[in-house]
Every structure is written in C-alpha cells, then in structure tokens.
C-alpha cells in the first residue's frame, strides 16, 4: 500500500517556519529538502494566495522578520499577520493535497460530499477542505433530506 503524505495547515506552517533550514539542506544535497522546497515555493505561487498573504509570507518567512516587525512594515496588526499566515497555510496545504483552490466555500460542497462518500468522517472532510465541520453536517443533512 502506497502512503501519500497529507499536508495540514499546521504542517505547512512548520515548513514555512523552517524554510531557511530546508533551503540550506537543499544545497547540501538533501533530495527530500529539494523536493519539499520546490513543492512549497510552487504552492506559494499557485495556491491562490492574495497579494496580502504573499506579502506576509515573504516578509515573515523569506525576509525572516518577526510577526511584530512584519506588522509594522506592512501597516497591519500582528493578529492580521497571524490570520494571513493561517489562511495562506490552509490554501497551500489544500493545493499540495490536490484539492482545487476555490473562491467560495459553497464550491467545496461537491468535494465534501465525495469525501463523505469515500468514507471520511465529517471532521476529517472539514479539516481536509479547510472549512467548518458544521457546513459538512449541514450539507450531509440536506443531501439525505433530498434523497428521501
């Protein structure tokens, strides 16, 4: 049985916080670091991040500033920095897991139903799609109501 790594918001944050070490290991011949660095940089560019999210990622992780320093540079609060990092990490994880990046939560409904049909529990499907589990329960309830 093949194992496929599944990225989470938390694991992507961990990768971002260690991006300089990964980049250094890449230059020392680590094949894993080379693949990981290529994947994460591709995802940053293709995961549908907003300009603000890209700026936050660049300032905090590439320029290696603290969140407080980044907030001062970008003219936003530290809480906004953290929110942008979390949202960006969620989008990057979805991209790396092969989940299409969508603009609307409602566009994720068919994907959520497919995951439930594949045997995912509602909490697992919600985590995989980066949405509130209450939506999964609601969509599943609506689906069952219309099926009967």
N, C-alpha and C. Protein backbone atom coordinates (compact mmCIF):
# COMPACT_ATOMS: atom_id res chain seq x y z
N UNK A 1 0.84 -1.18 0.00
CA UNK A 1 0.00 0.00 0.00
C UNK A 1 0.89 1.24 0.00
N UNK A 2 0.65 2.13 -0.95
CA UNK A 2 1.42 3.37 -1.02
C UNK A 2 0.90 4.36 0.00
N UNK A 3 1.82 5.09 0.60
CA UNK A 3 1.43 6.11 1.55
C UNK A 3 1.65 7.47 0.90
N UNK A 4 0.65 8.31 0.93
CA UNK A 4 0.77 9.67 0.41
C UNK A 4 0.70 10.62 1.59
N UNK A 5 1.70 11.48 1.70
CA UNK A 5 1.73 12.48 2.76
C UNK A 5 0.57 13.45 2.55
N UNK A 6 -0.15 13.73 3.61
CA UNK A 6 -1.23 14.71 3.57
C UNK A 6 -0.77 15.93 4.35
N UNK A 7 -0.80 17.06 3.72
CA UNK A 7 -0.40 18.31 4.36
C UNK A 7 -1.57 18.88 5.15
N UNK A 8 -1.27 19.48 6.28
CA UNK A 8 -2.26 20.19 7.08
C UNK A 8 -1.81 21.64 7.19
N UNK A 9 -2.70 22.49 7.68
CA UNK A 9 -2.33 23.88 7.92
C UNK A 9 -1.13 23.94 8.86
N UNK A 10 -1.17 23.11 9.88
CA UNK A 10 -0.08 23.09 10.87
C UNK A 10 1.24 22.64 10.25
N UNK A 11 1.21 21.59 9.43
CA UNK A 11 2.46 21.11 8.83
C UNK A 11 3.04 22.14 7.85
N UNK A 12 2.18 22.83 7.13
CA UNK A 12 2.67 23.86 6.21
C UNK A 12 3.30 25.01 6.99
N UNK A 13 2.67 25.40 8.10
CA UNK A 13 3.29 26.44 8.94
C UNK A 13 4.67 25.99 9.41
N UNK A 14 4.80 24.73 9.80
CA UNK A 14 6.09 24.20 10.22
C UNK A 14 7.12 24.28 9.12
N UNK A 15 6.72 23.95 7.91
CA UNK A 15 7.63 24.05 6.76
C UNK A 15 8.03 25.49 6.54
N UNK A 16 7.06 26.40 6.57
CA UNK A 16 7.37 27.82 6.36
C UNK A 16 8.32 28.35 7.43
N UNK A 17 8.09 27.99 8.69
CA UNK A 17 8.96 28.46 9.76
C UNK A 17 10.38 27.89 9.65
N UNK A 18 10.53 26.78 8.91
CA UNK A 18 11.84 26.15 8.73
C UNK A 18 12.38 26.30 7.31
N UNK A 19 11.83 27.22 6.54
CA UNK A 19 12.17 27.33 5.13
C UNK A 19 13.66 27.62 4.91
N UNK A 20 14.30 28.39 5.79
CA UNK A 20 15.73 28.68 5.61
C UNK A 20 16.57 27.43 5.83
N UNK A 21 16.20 26.61 6.82
CA UNK A 21 16.93 25.36 7.07
C UNK A 21 16.72 24.39 5.91
N UNK A 22 15.50 24.32 5.38
CA UNK A 22 15.20 23.45 4.24
C UNK A 22 16.00 23.90 3.03
N UNK A 23 16.06 25.21 2.82
CA UNK A 23 16.82 25.75 1.69
C UNK A 23 18.31 25.40 1.83
N UNK A 24 18.83 25.51 3.05
CA UNK A 24 20.24 25.17 3.29
C UNK A 24 20.49 23.68 3.06
N UNK A 25 19.61 22.83 3.55
CA UNK A 25 19.77 21.39 3.36
C UNK A 25 19.69 21.02 1.88
N UNK A 26 18.93 21.78 1.15
CA UNK A 26 18.81 21.57 -0.30
C UNK A 26 20.17 21.72 -0.96
N UNK A 27 20.91 22.73 -0.53
CA UNK A 27 22.23 22.98 -1.11
C UNK A 27 23.27 21.95 -0.65
N UNK A 28 22.97 21.23 0.41
CA UNK A 28 23.88 20.20 0.89
C UNK A 28 23.51 18.82 0.34
N UNK A 29 22.63 18.79 -0.65
CA UNK A 29 22.34 17.55 -1.37
C UNK A 29 21.16 16.74 -0.87
N UNK A 30 20.37 17.26 0.06
CA UNK A 30 19.22 16.50 0.55
C UNK A 30 18.13 16.50 -0.52
N UNK A 31 17.86 15.30 -1.05
CA UNK A 31 16.84 15.17 -2.08
C UNK A 31 15.45 15.54 -1.52
N UNK A 32 15.19 15.12 -0.29
CA UNK A 32 13.91 15.44 0.36
C UNK A 32 13.74 16.95 0.47
N UNK A 33 14.79 17.65 0.89
CA UNK A 33 14.73 19.11 1.02
C UNK A 33 14.52 19.77 -0.34
N UNK A 34 15.14 19.22 -1.38
CA UNK A 34 14.98 19.78 -2.73
C UNK A 34 13.53 19.68 -3.19
N UNK A 35 12.93 18.51 -2.97
CA UNK A 35 11.54 18.29 -3.37
C UNK A 35 10.61 19.17 -2.53
N UNK A 36 10.82 19.19 -1.23
CA UNK A 36 9.98 19.97 -0.33
C UNK A 36 10.05 21.46 -0.67
N UNK A 37 11.25 21.97 -0.90
CA UNK A 37 11.42 23.39 -1.24
C UNK A 37 10.73 23.72 -2.56
N UNK A 38 10.90 22.85 -3.54
CA UNK A 38 10.25 23.07 -4.84
C UNK A 38 8.73 23.05 -4.70
N UNK A 39 8.22 22.08 -3.93
CA UNK A 39 6.77 21.98 -3.74
C UNK A 39 6.21 23.22 -3.04
N UNK A 40 6.88 23.65 -1.98
CA UNK A 40 6.34 24.77 -1.19
C UNK A 40 6.42 26.07 -1.98
N UNK A 41 7.50 26.30 -2.71
CA UNK A 41 7.59 27.54 -3.49
C UNK A 41 6.59 27.54 -4.65
N UNK A 42 6.38 26.39 -5.25
CA UNK A 42 5.36 26.29 -6.31
C UNK A 42 3.98 26.56 -5.73
N UNK A 43 3.70 25.98 -4.58
CA UNK A 43 2.39 26.16 -3.94
C UNK A 43 2.15 27.61 -3.56
N UNK A 44 3.18 28.29 -3.06
CA UNK A 44 3.02 29.71 -2.71
C UNK A 44 2.58 30.51 -3.93
N UNK A 45 3.11 30.16 -5.09
CA UNK A 45 2.79 30.89 -6.31
C UNK A 45 1.49 30.47 -6.97
N UNK A 46 1.02 29.25 -6.70
CA UNK A 46 -0.15 28.73 -7.43
C UNK A 46 -1.36 28.41 -6.57
N UNK A 47 -1.28 28.64 -5.26
CA UNK A 47 -2.37 28.23 -4.37
C UNK A 47 -3.47 29.28 -4.22
N UNK A 48 -3.42 30.33 -5.00
CA UNK A 48 -4.47 31.34 -4.93
C UNK A 48 -4.36 32.27 -3.74
N UNK A 49 -3.12 32.51 -3.29
CA UNK A 49 -2.93 33.44 -2.18
C UNK A 49 -3.22 34.86 -2.63
N UNK A 50 -3.77 35.66 -1.73
CA UNK A 50 -3.99 37.08 -2.03
C UNK A 50 -2.63 37.79 -2.01
N UNK A 51 -2.60 38.99 -2.56
CA UNK A 51 -1.37 39.78 -2.54
C UNK A 51 -0.91 40.01 -1.10
N UNK A 52 -1.85 40.26 -0.20
CA UNK A 52 -1.51 40.47 1.21
C UNK A 52 -0.89 39.22 1.82
N UNK A 53 -1.48 38.06 1.53
CA UNK A 53 -0.94 36.81 2.06
C UNK A 53 0.46 36.54 1.53
N UNK A 54 0.68 36.80 0.25
CA UNK A 54 2.02 36.63 -0.32
C UNK A 54 3.02 37.58 0.34
N UNK A 55 2.59 38.82 0.58
CA UNK A 55 3.47 39.79 1.23
C UNK A 55 3.83 39.33 2.64
N UNK A 56 2.85 38.86 3.38
CA UNK A 56 3.09 38.39 4.75
C UNK A 56 4.06 37.20 4.73
N UNK A 57 3.82 36.24 3.85
CA UNK A 57 4.71 35.08 3.73
C UNK A 57 6.13 35.55 3.41
N UNK A 58 6.25 36.46 2.47
CA UNK A 58 7.57 36.96 2.08
C UNK A 58 8.30 37.66 3.22
N UNK A 59 7.60 38.53 3.91
CA UNK A 59 8.24 39.30 4.98
C UNK A 59 8.58 38.43 6.19
N UNK A 60 7.65 37.58 6.60
CA UNK A 60 7.86 36.77 7.81
C UNK A 60 8.83 35.62 7.54
N UNK A 61 8.65 34.90 6.44
CA UNK A 61 9.43 33.68 6.25
C UNK A 61 10.64 33.84 5.35
N UNK A 62 10.54 34.66 4.33
CA UNK A 62 11.67 34.82 3.41
C UNK A 62 12.65 35.87 3.96
N UNK A 63 12.10 37.01 4.40
CA UNK A 63 12.96 38.05 4.98
C UNK A 63 13.24 37.81 6.46
N UNK A 64 12.60 36.79 7.03
CA UNK A 64 12.87 36.33 8.40
C UNK A 64 12.60 37.39 9.47
N UNK A 65 11.47 38.09 9.33
CA UNK A 65 11.07 39.07 10.34
C UNK A 65 10.14 38.41 11.35
N UNK A 66 10.06 38.97 12.54
CA UNK A 66 9.06 38.52 13.50
C UNK A 66 7.70 39.02 13.02
N UNK A 67 6.64 38.45 13.57
CA UNK A 67 5.31 38.92 13.20
C UNK A 67 5.11 40.38 13.58
N UNK A 68 5.67 40.78 14.70
CA UNK A 68 5.55 42.17 15.15
C UNK A 68 6.26 43.10 14.17
N UNK A 69 7.47 42.72 13.74
CA UNK A 69 8.21 43.53 12.76
C UNK A 69 7.45 43.59 11.44
N UNK A 70 6.93 42.45 11.00
CA UNK A 70 6.18 42.39 9.75
C UNK A 70 4.94 43.27 9.82
N UNK A 71 4.27 43.26 10.97
CA UNK A 71 3.07 44.09 11.14
C UNK A 71 3.42 45.56 10.97
N UNK A 72 4.54 45.98 11.54
CA UNK A 72 4.97 47.38 11.43
C UNK A 72 5.30 47.73 9.98
N UNK A 73 5.99 46.83 9.29
CA UNK A 73 6.38 47.08 7.90
C UNK A 73 5.16 47.14 6.98
N UNK A 74 4.21 46.23 7.20
CA UNK A 74 3.03 46.16 6.32
C UNK A 74 1.88 47.06 6.77
N UNK A 75 2.01 47.64 7.95
CA UNK A 75 0.98 48.55 8.44
C UNK A 75 -0.31 47.88 8.84
N UNK A 76 -0.20 46.65 9.36
CA UNK A 76 -1.37 45.92 9.84
C UNK A 76 -1.04 45.38 11.24
N UNK A 77 -2.03 44.83 11.90
CA UNK A 77 -1.81 44.32 13.26
C UNK A 77 -1.10 42.97 13.23
N UNK A 78 -0.53 42.61 14.37
CA UNK A 78 0.11 41.29 14.49
C UNK A 78 -0.93 40.19 14.33
N UNK A 79 -2.16 40.43 14.82
CA UNK A 79 -3.23 39.45 14.67
C UNK A 79 -3.57 39.24 13.19
N UNK A 80 -3.54 40.32 12.41
CA UNK A 80 -3.79 40.20 10.97
C UNK A 80 -2.68 39.41 10.30
N UNK A 81 -1.45 39.59 10.78
CA UNK A 81 -0.32 38.80 10.24
C UNK A 81 -0.59 37.32 10.48
N UNK A 82 -0.95 36.96 11.72
CA UNK A 82 -1.21 35.56 12.06
C UNK A 82 -2.38 35.00 11.25
N UNK A 83 -3.44 35.79 11.07
CA UNK A 83 -4.59 35.34 10.28
C UNK A 83 -4.19 35.09 8.83
N UNK A 84 -3.38 35.98 8.28
CA UNK A 84 -2.92 35.81 6.90
C UNK A 84 -2.03 34.58 6.75
N UNK A 85 -1.18 34.33 7.75
CA UNK A 85 -0.32 33.14 7.70
C UNK A 85 -1.18 31.87 7.74
N UNK A 86 -2.16 31.85 8.63
CA UNK A 86 -3.02 30.67 8.77
C UNK A 86 -3.83 30.43 7.50
N UNK A 87 -4.40 31.48 6.95
CA UNK A 87 -5.19 31.33 5.72
C UNK A 87 -4.30 30.88 4.56
N UNK A 88 -3.12 31.48 4.46
CA UNK A 88 -2.19 31.09 3.40
C UNK A 88 -1.76 29.64 3.57
N UNK A 89 -1.45 29.24 4.79
CA UNK A 89 -1.03 27.85 5.05
C UNK A 89 -2.15 26.87 4.69
N UNK A 90 -3.39 27.23 4.99
CA UNK A 90 -4.53 26.38 4.65
C UNK A 90 -4.65 26.24 3.12
N UNK A 91 -4.50 27.35 2.40
CA UNK A 91 -4.58 27.30 0.94
C UNK A 91 -3.43 26.49 0.36
N UNK A 92 -2.23 26.67 0.91
CA UNK A 92 -1.06 25.92 0.44
C UNK A 92 -1.25 24.44 0.69
N UNK A 93 -1.75 24.07 1.88
CA UNK A 93 -2.00 22.66 2.19
C UNK A 93 -3.02 22.06 1.22
N UNK A 94 -4.08 22.80 0.95
CA UNK A 94 -5.09 22.32 0.00
C UNK A 94 -4.48 22.11 -1.38
N UNK A 95 -3.68 23.05 -1.82
CA UNK A 95 -3.02 22.95 -3.12
C UNK A 95 -2.12 21.71 -3.15
N UNK A 96 -1.29 21.54 -2.12
CA UNK A 96 -0.36 20.41 -2.08
C UNK A 96 -1.07 19.07 -1.98
N UNK A 97 -2.27 19.07 -1.40
CA UNK A 97 -3.06 17.84 -1.30
C UNK A 97 -3.89 17.58 -2.55
N UNK A 98 -3.79 18.47 -3.52
CA UNK A 98 -4.51 18.27 -4.77
C UNK A 98 -5.96 18.70 -4.74
N UNK A 99 -6.33 19.48 -3.73
CA UNK A 99 -7.69 19.99 -3.65
C UNK A 99 -7.73 21.30 -4.42
N UNK A 100 -8.61 21.42 -5.39
CA UNK A 100 -8.68 22.66 -6.14
C UNK A 100 -8.94 23.86 -5.23
N UNK A 101 -8.24 24.94 -5.49
CA UNK A 101 -8.43 26.16 -4.72
C UNK A 101 -9.67 26.86 -5.26
N UNK A 102 -10.63 27.14 -4.38
CA UNK A 102 -11.88 27.75 -4.81
C UNK A 102 -12.06 29.09 -4.13
N UNK A 103 -12.87 29.94 -4.74
CA UNK A 103 -13.12 31.26 -4.17
C UNK A 103 -14.27 31.24 -3.17
N UNK A 104 -15.11 30.25 -3.25
CA UNK A 104 -16.29 30.21 -2.40
C UNK A 104 -16.35 28.89 -1.64
N UNK A 105 -16.75 28.97 -0.39
CA UNK A 105 -16.90 27.76 0.42
C UNK A 105 -17.93 26.85 -0.22
N UNK A 106 -18.99 27.41 -0.77
CA UNK A 106 -20.03 26.59 -1.38
C UNK A 106 -19.52 25.76 -2.55
N UNK A 107 -18.45 26.21 -3.18
CA UNK A 107 -17.87 25.45 -4.27
C UNK A 107 -17.21 24.17 -3.76
N UNK A 108 -16.97 24.09 -2.45
CA UNK A 108 -16.35 22.91 -1.87
C UNK A 108 -17.37 21.84 -1.51
N UNK A 109 -18.65 22.16 -1.65
CA UNK A 109 -19.70 21.20 -1.29
C UNK A 109 -19.58 19.89 -2.04
N UNK A 110 -19.42 19.89 -3.38
CA UNK A 110 -19.30 18.60 -4.08
C UNK A 110 -18.09 17.80 -3.61
N UNK A 111 -16.98 18.48 -3.33
CA UNK A 111 -15.80 17.78 -2.83
C UNK A 111 -16.07 17.17 -1.46
N UNK A 112 -16.78 17.91 -0.62
CA UNK A 112 -17.11 17.41 0.72
C UNK A 112 -17.98 16.17 0.63
N UNK A 113 -18.98 16.19 -0.24
CA UNK A 113 -19.87 15.04 -0.41
C UNK A 113 -19.09 13.84 -0.93
N UNK A 114 -18.17 14.07 -1.88
CA UNK A 114 -17.34 12.97 -2.38
C UNK A 114 -16.50 12.35 -1.27
N UNK A 115 -15.93 13.21 -0.41
CA UNK A 115 -15.12 12.69 0.70
C UNK A 115 -15.98 11.86 1.65
N UNK A 116 -17.18 12.32 1.94
CA UNK A 116 -18.09 11.55 2.80
C UNK A 116 -18.43 10.21 2.15
N UNK A 117 -18.66 10.24 0.84
CA UNK A 117 -18.98 9.00 0.11
C UNK A 117 -17.79 8.03 0.12
N UNK A 118 -16.58 8.56 0.21
CA UNK A 118 -15.38 7.72 0.27
C UNK A 118 -15.13 7.17 1.67
N UNK A 119 -15.96 7.59 2.64
CA UNK A 119 -15.82 7.07 3.99
C UNK A 119 -15.16 8.01 4.98
N UNK A 120 -14.86 9.23 4.56
CA UNK A 120 -14.31 10.20 5.50
C UNK A 120 -15.36 10.57 6.54
N UNK A 121 -14.93 10.78 7.77
CA UNK A 121 -15.82 11.31 8.79
C UNK A 121 -15.96 12.81 8.55
N UNK A 122 -17.08 13.42 8.99
CA UNK A 122 -17.29 14.86 8.75
C UNK A 122 -16.11 15.73 9.21
N UNK A 123 -15.55 15.44 10.38
CA UNK A 123 -14.43 16.25 10.87
C UNK A 123 -13.21 16.10 9.98
N UNK A 124 -12.97 14.89 9.47
CA UNK A 124 -11.84 14.66 8.57
C UNK A 124 -12.02 15.42 7.26
N UNK A 125 -13.24 15.36 6.72
CA UNK A 125 -13.53 16.07 5.47
C UNK A 125 -13.38 17.57 5.65
N UNK A 126 -13.88 18.09 6.77
CA UNK A 126 -13.77 19.53 7.04
C UNK A 126 -12.32 19.95 7.15
N UNK A 127 -11.52 19.17 7.86
CA UNK A 127 -10.10 19.50 8.00
C UNK A 127 -9.39 19.45 6.66
N UNK A 128 -9.69 18.46 5.86
CA UNK A 128 -9.05 18.31 4.55
C UNK A 128 -9.38 19.49 3.64
N UNK A 129 -10.62 19.98 3.74
CA UNK A 129 -11.06 21.07 2.87
C UNK A 129 -10.85 22.45 3.49
N UNK A 130 -10.48 22.49 4.76
CA UNK A 130 -10.25 23.77 5.42
C UNK A 130 -11.52 24.56 5.65
N UNK A 131 -12.60 23.86 5.99
CA UNK A 131 -13.87 24.53 6.24
C UNK A 131 -14.43 24.08 7.58
N UNK A 132 -15.44 24.77 8.05
CA UNK A 132 -16.07 24.46 9.33
C UNK A 132 -16.86 23.15 9.22
N UNK A 133 -16.69 22.28 10.20
CA UNK A 133 -17.36 20.98 10.21
C UNK A 133 -18.88 21.14 10.21
N UNK A 134 -19.40 22.25 10.72
CA UNK A 134 -20.85 22.47 10.73
C UNK A 134 -21.40 22.50 9.30
N UNK A 135 -20.61 23.02 8.36
CA UNK A 135 -21.04 23.03 6.96
C UNK A 135 -21.16 21.60 6.43
N UNK A 136 -20.22 20.75 6.79
CA UNK A 136 -20.26 19.36 6.34
C UNK A 136 -21.53 18.68 6.87
N UNK A 137 -21.80 18.87 8.16
CA UNK A 137 -23.01 18.28 8.75
C UNK A 137 -24.26 18.81 8.04
N UNK A 138 -24.29 20.10 7.79
CA UNK A 138 -25.44 20.72 7.13
C UNK A 138 -25.62 20.16 5.72
N UNK A 139 -24.53 20.14 4.94
CA UNK A 139 -24.61 19.64 3.57
C UNK A 139 -25.02 18.18 3.54
N UNK A 140 -24.48 17.39 4.45
CA UNK A 140 -24.83 15.97 4.51
C UNK A 140 -26.30 15.80 4.88
N UNK A 141 -26.78 16.60 5.84
CA UNK A 141 -28.20 16.57 6.22
C UNK A 141 -29.09 16.92 5.03
N UNK A 142 -28.73 17.99 4.32
CA UNK A 142 -29.51 18.42 3.16
C UNK A 142 -29.53 17.33 2.08
N UNK A 143 -28.41 16.70 1.88
CA UNK A 143 -28.31 15.65 0.87
C UNK A 143 -29.22 14.48 1.23
N UNK A 144 -29.20 14.08 2.51
CA UNK A 144 -30.04 12.96 2.95
C UNK A 144 -31.52 13.32 2.88
N UNK A 145 -31.84 14.58 3.21
CA UNK A 145 -33.23 15.04 3.19
C UNK A 145 -33.78 14.99 1.76
N UNK A 146 -32.96 15.40 0.79
CA UNK A 146 -33.42 15.42 -0.60
C UNK A 146 -33.41 14.01 -1.23
N UNK A 147 -32.63 13.12 -0.67
CA UNK A 147 -32.57 11.75 -1.19
C UNK A 147 -33.79 10.94 -0.78
N UNK A 148 -34.44 11.32 0.34
CA UNK A 148 -35.60 10.54 0.80
C UNK A 148 -36.91 11.05 0.26
